Amino acid sequence: MATRRLELTPVLWTCWGEGWTARATPESVHRTVTADLDGGSTILLRDSDCTSAPGAWRSALGALPRILDTCTERRYEVGPLCDHG
């Protein structure tokens, strides 16, 4: 398997913002992420890909400050994926 050969660890997300659609807004991304957000969660926010609506990355980026505020309110520690156990 390529991940093993490259010494990578596959990680699945526990909540995502669904921000790739044309109808996504920062508010909808925040609402979608925080509905399933729990301590130890891994959040998937896409910046762009070949199937995303043009400019859809703006919804994820716009939601990020509110997502971080919600994590602070819930006393969740936010950090890089490499530190996630």
Protein backbone atom coordinates (compact mmCIF):
# COMPACT_ATOMS: atom_id res chain seq x y z
CA MET A 1 0.00 0.00 0.00
CA ALA A 2 1.30 3.46 -0.91
CA THR A 3 0.64 4.94 2.53
CA ARG A 4 2.73 2.27 4.20
CA ARG A 5 5.52 2.61 1.66
CA LEU A 6 5.59 6.38 2.23
CA GLU A 7 5.28 5.92 6.01
CA LEU A 8 2.04 7.89 6.13
CA THR A 9 -0.83 7.33 8.54
CA PRO A 10 -4.33 7.41 7.06
CA VAL A 11 -6.68 9.64 9.06
CA LEU A 12 -10.42 9.98 8.64
CA TRP A 13 -12.36 13.07 9.59
CA THR A 14 -15.16 13.10 12.14
CA CYS A 15 -16.85 16.28 10.87
CA TRP A 16 -16.70 18.32 7.71
CA GLY A 17 -18.00 21.63 6.52
CA GLU A 18 -19.49 20.63 3.15
CA GLY A 19 -18.11 23.92 1.86
CA TRP A 20 -17.44 22.81 -1.70
CA THR A 21 -20.97 23.50 -2.93
CA ALA A 22 -22.12 26.73 -4.57
CA ARG A 23 -24.74 27.21 -1.84
CA ALA A 24 -22.26 26.96 1.05
CA THR A 25 -21.72 30.01 3.21
CA PRO A 26 -19.42 30.60 6.18
CA GLU A 27 -22.49 30.24 8.40
CA SER A 28 -23.56 26.92 6.86
CA VAL A 29 -20.02 25.52 7.10
CA HIS A 30 -19.79 26.57 10.78
CA ARG A 31 -23.21 25.08 11.55
CA THR A 32 -22.38 21.79 9.79
CA VAL A 33 -18.98 21.41 11.46
CA THR A 34 -20.10 22.28 14.97
CA ALA A 35 -23.16 20.00 14.85
CA ASP A 36 -20.83 16.97 15.07
CA LEU A 37 -17.86 18.60 16.79
CA ASP A 38 -16.64 16.82 19.89
CA GLY A 39 -13.38 16.61 21.80
CA GLY A 40 -10.87 14.68 19.71
CA SER A 41 -12.58 15.51 16.44
CA THR A 42 -10.77 15.85 13.13
CA ILE A 43 -12.32 18.58 10.98
CA LEU A 44 -12.17 18.46 7.21
CA LEU A 45 -12.29 21.83 5.46
CA ARG A 46 -11.52 21.78 1.76
CA ASP A 47 -9.73 24.67 0.12
CA SER A 48 -10.55 23.57 -3.42
CA ASP A 49 -10.52 20.64 -5.81
CA CYS A 50 -11.70 19.84 -9.31
CA THR A 51 -15.31 19.28 -8.20
CA SER A 52 -15.73 22.33 -5.96
CA ALA A 53 -17.81 25.30 -7.01
CA PRO A 54 -15.64 28.22 -8.09
CA GLY A 55 -14.60 30.25 -5.05
CA ALA A 56 -16.11 27.71 -2.65
CA TRP A 57 -12.94 27.85 -0.53
CA ARG A 58 -14.14 31.25 0.73
CA SER A 59 -16.88 29.54 2.74
CA ALA A 60 -14.43 27.34 4.65
CA LEU A 61 -12.03 30.21 5.21
CA GLY A 62 -14.84 32.48 6.36
CA ALA A 63 -16.10 29.85 8.83
CA LEU A 64 -12.71 29.16 10.38
CA PRO A 65 -12.67 32.02 12.96
CA ARG A 66 -16.12 31.03 14.23
CA ILE A 67 -15.14 27.35 14.35
CA LEU A 68 -12.08 28.27 16.41
CA ASP A 69 -14.23 30.44 18.70
CA THR A 70 -16.62 27.51 19.20
CA CYS A 71 -13.69 25.23 20.07
CA THR A 72 -12.48 27.79 22.62
CA GLU A 73 -15.97 28.09 24.13
CA ARG A 74 -16.16 24.31 24.46
CA ARG A 75 -12.61 24.21 25.88
CA TYR A 76 -11.28 22.07 23.03
CA GLU A 77 -7.59 22.30 22.27
CA VAL A 78 -6.88 23.02 18.61
CA GLY A 79 -3.69 21.82 16.99
CA PRO A 80 -2.11 20.31 13.93
CA LEU A 81 -3.08 16.88 12.71
CA CYS A 82 0.41 15.54 13.48
CA ASP A 83 -0.27 16.11 17.20
CA HIS A 84 -3.64 14.38 17.10
CA GLY A 85 -3.49 11.10 18.96
